[in-house]
Amino acid sequence: MAYFYQIGVGSGYQATFEFPIDIFVRAYGLSNILVYSSLHILDRAGYIEYVEEQDSLARVKFLLERDDLYRLQGNTDNEDKVVIALLRNYSGLFNDYAFIDEAFIAQETTLTQPLVYQALKALAQKRIISFIPRKKIPLIRFRQRREDSKDLVFPPSVYDDLRRRFADRVEAIISYCTTDNQCRSRQLLRYFGEENRHECGQCDVCLDRSKKQTPAGKVEETMQAICQLLSDNNTHTLAELAEIHCSQDVLIEGMRRLIAERKVIDDDGLLKLADKDKDI
């Protein structure tokens, strides 16, 4: 973590650094949750900007002088193609690291991206280049000058906002668990800011409501009618159930019970009576 703490107090404004949380946690014996929460508090307080897993491009720097490159021998054709593409399309590679686009190099060399990556790795092993592969890593940007920990000030609003959001989440969880008169799917969608005016028909609330609204006698009568329709030992489509005179809710409930009781077999929309129940 020396690269992060090389900034002295009073400096670092607008400086950006990679911040691998796993290394930080191991180095200081902290928990992931504690570090993660602390970073977000510092972000809300305006000291830093914390960007989670920024997709960083690959970086390359030549370790040899330009003239030495022309005297190299033993490189593969792919490696030579990659070196030429780097020299033609990127400047400053002999002085410092430069971001490169492996997809662009693949296009310039008519190679695939895996072959470009393998060539870059091989060139790095030969100490011709220094290659930092593309990776996803969190970034920290200082929004103001770095301060000593004793001088950090956290306004009450930072904690008030956290407390309010946590309380809202707890209340939403309690509401979801205790509310038994609203469709579960609609409750979840409303929590995430979406609206759905239709009931899902599959959650415990919808199924319980369906049972209460559907007369038990009518369902039993419909089940008998379905079995009578299927008693010819032939397969029937779901559309043929329309011949049974009842509401759609009753028909669905009757079919659901017959299938659950294994009296009717549903084979991808084709219905038939189970062998042991042909005489129902």
Protein backbone atom coordinates (compact mmCIF):
# COMPACT_ATOMS: atom_id res chain seq x y z
CA MET A 1 0.00 0.00 0.00
CA ALA A 2 3.01 2.29 -0.17
CA TYR A 3 1.88 3.65 -3.53
CA PHE A 4 -1.32 4.90 -1.85
CA TYR A 5 0.26 6.45 1.22
CA GLN A 6 3.12 8.18 -0.55
CA ILE A 7 1.00 11.32 -0.63
CA GLY A 8 1.77 13.64 2.24
CA VAL A 9 -0.69 15.60 4.34
CA GLY A 10 -1.88 18.69 2.49
CA SER A 11 -1.32 17.22 -0.98
CA GLY A 12 -3.07 14.73 -3.25
CA TYR A 13 -5.95 16.90 -4.51
CA GLN A 14 -7.51 15.20 -7.59
CA ALA A 15 -4.92 12.36 -7.44
CA THR A 16 -6.29 8.90 -8.33
CA PHE A 17 -4.98 5.58 -7.01
CA GLU A 18 -5.81 1.92 -7.36
CA PHE A 19 -7.16 0.50 -4.11
CA PRO A 20 -7.17 -3.31 -3.89
CA ILE A 21 -9.35 -3.88 -0.84
CA ASP A 22 -8.24 -7.50 -0.36
CA ILE A 23 -4.59 -6.46 0.06
CA PHE A 24 -5.53 -3.59 2.39
CA VAL A 25 -7.68 -5.88 4.56
CA ARG A 26 -4.92 -8.46 4.94
CA ALA A 27 -2.24 -5.84 5.63
CA TYR A 28 -4.16 -4.16 8.47
CA GLY A 29 -6.20 -7.08 9.82
CA LEU A 30 -9.56 -5.42 9.13
CA SER A 31 -12.86 -6.83 7.94
CA ASN A 32 -14.13 -6.32 4.41
CA ILE A 33 -17.42 -4.85 5.65
CA LEU A 34 -15.64 -2.32 7.89
CA VAL A 35 -13.35 -1.12 5.09
CA TYR A 36 -16.17 -1.02 2.56
CA SER A 37 -18.41 1.00 4.89
CA SER A 38 -15.59 3.38 5.81
CA LEU A 39 -14.84 4.11 2.15
CA HIS A 40 -18.47 4.98 1.49
CA ILE A 41 -18.62 7.25 4.56
CA LEU A 42 -15.48 9.09 3.37
CA ASP A 43 -17.11 9.37 -0.04
CA ARG A 44 -20.32 10.85 1.37
CA ALA A 45 -18.31 13.25 3.53
CA GLY A 46 -16.60 14.59 0.40
CA TYR A 47 -13.02 13.52 1.15
CA ILE A 48 -12.68 10.89 -1.58
CA GLU A 49 -14.51 9.48 -4.57
CA TYR A 50 -14.64 5.70 -4.37
CA VAL A 51 -15.21 3.86 -7.66
CA GLU A 52 -15.86 0.14 -7.32
CA GLU A 53 -14.05 -2.18 -9.73
CA GLN A 54 -13.16 0.28 -12.47
CA ASP A 55 -12.32 -1.56 -15.68
CA SER A 56 -8.68 -0.54 -16.26
CA LEU A 57 -7.06 -0.94 -19.68
CA ALA A 58 -3.81 -2.84 -20.09
CA ARG A 59 -0.58 -0.85 -19.81
CA VAL A 60 2.75 -1.28 -21.54
CA LYS A 61 6.23 0.25 -21.25
CA PHE A 62 9.31 -0.71 -23.27
CA LEU A 63 12.28 -1.75 -21.12
CA LEU A 64 14.75 -1.64 -24.03
CA GLU A 65 15.88 1.36 -26.04
CA ARG A 66 14.46 1.81 -29.52
CA ASP A 67 17.73 0.90 -31.23
CA ASP A 68 17.97 -2.32 -29.24
CA LEU A 69 14.63 -3.47 -30.61
CA TYR A 70 15.98 -3.67 -34.15
CA ARG A 71 18.76 -6.01 -33.04
CA LEU A 72 16.43 -8.46 -31.33
CA GLN A 73 16.43 -12.04 -32.55
CA GLY A 74 14.40 -15.08 -31.62
CA ASN A 75 10.98 -13.44 -31.39
CA THR A 76 8.02 -15.19 -32.96
CA ASP A 77 6.13 -13.64 -35.87
CA ASN A 78 3.24 -12.77 -33.54
CA GLU A 79 5.56 -11.05 -31.08
CA ASP A 80 7.17 -9.00 -33.86
CA LYS A 81 3.73 -7.99 -35.16
CA VAL A 82 2.69 -6.81 -31.69
CA VAL A 83 5.93 -4.81 -31.21
CA ILE A 84 5.47 -3.09 -34.57
CA ALA A 85 1.81 -2.31 -33.79
CA LEU A 86 2.79 -0.79 -30.44
CA LEU A 87 5.49 1.40 -32.00
CA ARG A 88 3.20 2.59 -34.80
CA ASN A 89 0.15 3.43 -32.71
CA TYR A 90 1.36 4.51 -29.26
CA SER A 91 3.83 7.21 -28.26
CA GLY A 92 5.90 7.63 -25.11
CA LEU A 93 6.26 3.89 -24.50
CA PHE A 94 10.01 4.25 -23.83
CA ASN A 95 9.48 6.89 -21.12
CA ASP A 96 6.42 5.73 -19.18
CA TYR A 97 3.50 3.32 -19.17
CA ALA A 98 0.78 3.90 -21.75
CA PHE A 99 -2.71 2.44 -21.87
CA ILE A 100 -3.24 0.10 -24.81
CA ASP A 101 -6.30 -1.48 -26.38
CA GLU A 102 -5.71 -5.19 -27.01
CA ALA A 103 -8.73 -5.35 -29.35
CA PHE A 104 -7.26 -2.53 -31.46
CA ILE A 105 -3.85 -4.25 -31.60
CA ALA A 106 -5.57 -7.48 -32.63
CA GLN A 107 -7.22 -5.58 -35.48
CA GLU A 108 -3.92 -4.00 -36.56
CA THR A 109 -2.04 -7.30 -36.50
CA THR A 110 -4.88 -9.52 -37.82
CA LEU A 111 -4.42 -11.68 -34.71
CA THR A 112 -7.03 -12.74 -32.19
CA GLN A 113 -7.13 -11.05 -28.79
CA PRO A 114 -5.93 -14.22 -26.98
CA LEU A 115 -2.91 -14.38 -29.32
CA VAL A 116 -2.16 -10.69 -28.69
CA TYR A 117 -2.33 -11.30 -24.94
CA GLN A 118 -0.01 -14.31 -25.21
CA ALA A 119 2.48 -12.26 -27.27
CA LEU A 120 2.44 -9.44 -24.71
CA LYS A 121 3.03 -11.93 -21.89
CA ALA A 122 5.92 -13.52 -23.80
CA LEU A 123 7.52 -10.11 -24.50
CA ALA A 124 7.24 -9.29 -20.79
CA GLN A 125 8.91 -12.58 -19.83
CA LYS A 126 11.79 -11.73 -22.17
CA ARG A 127 12.16 -8.35 -20.43
CA ILE A 128 11.44 -6.50 -23.66
CA ILE A 129 8.37 -4.75 -22.22
CA SER A 130 6.71 -4.31 -18.88
CA PHE A 131 3.09 -5.44 -19.27
CA ILE A 132 0.28 -4.77 -16.80
CA PRO A 133 -2.78 -6.77 -17.96
CA ARG A 134 -6.26 -5.36 -18.09
CA LYS A 135 -8.00 -5.75 -14.77
CA LYS A 136 -10.94 -4.63 -12.67
CA ILE A 137 -9.86 -2.85 -9.51
CA PRO A 138 -11.42 -0.20 -7.22
CA LEU A 139 -10.13 3.37 -7.55
CA ILE A 140 -9.89 6.18 -5.03
CA ARG A 141 -9.72 9.82 -6.11
CA PHE A 142 -8.98 12.55 -3.55
CA ARG A 143 -11.63 15.26 -3.79
CA GLN A 144 -9.59 17.53 -1.54
CA ARG A 145 -6.17 17.65 0.06
CA ARG A 146 -5.28 14.72 2.27
CA GLU A 147 -5.91 15.37 5.98
CA ASP A 148 -4.69 13.71 9.17
CA SER A 149 -7.28 11.39 10.67
CA LYS A 150 -7.63 13.69 13.70
CA ASP A 151 -8.69 16.55 11.42
CA LEU A 152 -11.43 14.63 9.59
CA VAL A 153 -14.89 16.07 10.12
CA PHE A 154 -18.05 14.10 9.41
CA PRO A 155 -21.21 16.22 9.35
CA PRO A 156 -24.27 14.73 11.09
CA SER A 157 -26.02 14.50 7.72
CA VAL A 158 -23.61 11.71 6.68
CA TYR A 159 -24.72 9.46 9.54
CA ASP A 160 -28.33 10.64 9.43
CA ASP A 161 -28.57 9.57 5.81
CA LEU A 162 -27.08 6.16 6.61
CA ARG A 163 -29.41 5.69 9.57
CA ARG A 164 -32.46 6.68 7.52
CA ARG A 165 -31.59 4.35 4.63
CA PHE A 166 -30.91 1.46 7.00
CA ALA A 167 -34.21 2.07 8.81
CA ASP A 168 -36.05 2.18 5.47
CA ARG A 169 -34.56 -1.17 4.45
CA VAL A 170 -35.47 -2.79 7.77
CA GLU A 171 -39.00 -1.43 7.57
CA ALA A 172 -39.37 -2.72 4.00
CA ILE A 173 -38.24 -6.22 5.05
CA ILE A 174 -40.67 -6.26 7.98
CA SER A 175 -43.48 -5.05 5.73
CA TYR A 176 -42.75 -7.76 3.16
CA CYS A 177 -42.80 -10.49 5.82
CA THR A 178 -45.94 -9.32 7.61
CA THR A 179 -48.14 -8.09 4.76
CA ASP A 180 -50.46 -10.89 3.69
CA ASN A 181 -52.95 -8.99 1.54
CA GLN A 182 -50.67 -7.74 -1.27
CA CYS A 183 -49.02 -9.71 -4.06
CA ARG A 184 -45.38 -10.47 -3.17
CA SER A 185 -44.20 -9.65 -6.67
CA ARG A 186 -45.88 -6.24 -6.59
CA GLN A 187 -44.34 -5.53 -3.18
CA LEU A 188 -40.83 -6.28 -4.49
CA LEU A 189 -41.30 -4.21 -7.62
CA ARG A 190 -42.61 -1.27 -5.58
CA TYR A 191 -39.52 -1.46 -3.32
CA PHE A 192 -37.28 -1.07 -6.38
CA GLY A 193 -39.33 1.83 -7.72
CA GLU A 194 -41.35 -0.08 -10.31
CA GLU A 195 -45.08 -0.55 -10.61
CA ASN A 196 -47.07 -3.56 -11.77
CA ARG A 197 -50.85 -3.48 -11.67
CA HIS A 198 -51.22 -7.22 -12.28
CA GLU A 199 -51.06 -9.92 -9.63
CA CYS A 200 -48.45 -12.63 -10.23
CA GLY A 201 -50.91 -15.40 -9.36
CA GLN A 202 -48.10 -17.61 -8.04
CA CYS A 203 -47.04 -16.27 -4.63
CA ASP A 204 -48.59 -17.43 -1.35
CA VAL A 205 -50.79 -14.33 -1.13
CA CYS A 206 -52.25 -14.79 -4.62
CA LEU A 207 -52.78 -18.52 -4.16
CA ASP A 208 -54.45 -18.03 -0.79
CA ARG A 209 -56.72 -15.35 -2.24
CA SER A 210 -57.61 -17.64 -5.13
CA LYS A 211 -58.59 -20.43 -2.75
CA LYS A 212 -60.79 -18.11 -0.72
CA GLN A 213 -62.52 -16.70 -3.81
CA THR A 214 -63.08 -20.04 -5.54
CA PRO A 215 -66.02 -22.13 -4.27
CA ALA A 216 -64.75 -25.57 -3.27
CA GLY A 217 -67.80 -27.30 -4.74
CA LYS A 218 -67.32 -25.64 -8.13
CA VAL A 219 -63.66 -26.70 -8.24
CA GLU A 220 -64.59 -30.32 -7.46
CA GLU A 221 -67.24 -30.23 -10.18
CA THR A 222 -64.71 -28.86 -12.67
CA MET A 223 -62.17 -31.54 -11.74
CA GLN A 224 -64.76 -34.20 -12.51
CA ALA A 225 -65.53 -32.53 -15.86
CA ILE A 226 -61.83 -32.48 -16.79
CA CYS A 227 -61.43 -36.15 -15.94
CA GLN A 228 -64.55 -36.97 -17.98
CA LEU A 229 -63.09 -35.13 -20.98
CA LEU A 230 -59.83 -37.06 -20.68
CA SER A 231 -61.45 -40.44 -20.02
CA ASP A 232 -61.33 -41.41 -23.72
CA ASN A 233 -57.65 -42.37 -23.25
CA ASN A 234 -56.58 -39.83 -25.87
CA THR A 235 -54.37 -36.78 -25.35
CA HIS A 236 -56.04 -33.39 -25.35
CA THR A 237 -54.74 -29.85 -25.68
CA LEU A 238 -55.26 -27.13 -23.14
CA ALA A 239 -57.49 -25.31 -25.63
CA GLU A 240 -60.00 -28.16 -25.48
CA LEU A 241 -60.63 -27.40 -21.81
CA ALA A 242 -62.57 -24.36 -23.01
CA GLU A 243 -65.45 -26.77 -23.63
CA ILE A 244 -65.90 -26.96 -19.86
CA HIS A 245 -68.29 -24.23 -18.73
CA CYS A 246 -66.67 -22.49 -15.77
CA SER A 247 -64.59 -19.43 -14.98
CA GLN A 248 -60.92 -19.39 -15.89
CA ASP A 249 -59.90 -19.17 -12.24
CA VAL A 250 -61.90 -22.27 -11.36
CA LEU A 251 -60.55 -24.15 -14.39
CA ILE A 252 -56.93 -23.27 -13.51
CA GLU A 253 -57.43 -24.27 -9.88
CA GLY A 254 -59.03 -27.56 -10.90
CA MET A 255 -56.17 -28.38 -13.29
CA ARG A 256 -53.60 -27.39 -10.69
CA ARG A 257 -55.09 -29.76 -8.13
CA LEU A 258 -55.39 -32.67 -10.59
CA ILE A 259 -51.76 -32.32 -11.64
CA ALA A 260 -50.59 -31.90 -8.04
CA GLU A 261 -52.53 -35.05 -7.06
CA ARG A 262 -51.03 -36.87 -10.08
CA LYS A 263 -54.44 -37.67 -11.49
CA VAL A 264 -53.69 -35.82 -14.74
CA ILE A 265 -50.41 -35.75 -16.66
CA ASP A 266 -49.35 -32.54 -18.42
CA ASP A 267 -46.81 -33.37 -21.13
CA ASP A 268 -45.76 -29.98 -22.53
CA GLY A 269 -49.34 -28.81 -22.97
CA LEU A 270 -50.79 -32.19 -23.90
CA LEU A 271 -53.08 -33.60 -21.23
CA LYS A 272 -54.03 -37.16 -20.48
CA LEU A 273 -55.50 -39.06 -17.57
CA ALA A 274 -53.05 -40.98 -15.42
CA ASP A 275 -53.45 -44.76 -15.79
CA LYS A 276 -54.40 -45.39 -12.19
CA ASP A 277 -57.11 -42.71 -12.33
CA LYS A 278 -58.84 -43.44 -15.62
CA ASP A 279 -62.05 -44.34 -13.86
CA ILE A 280 -62.35 -41.06 -11.91
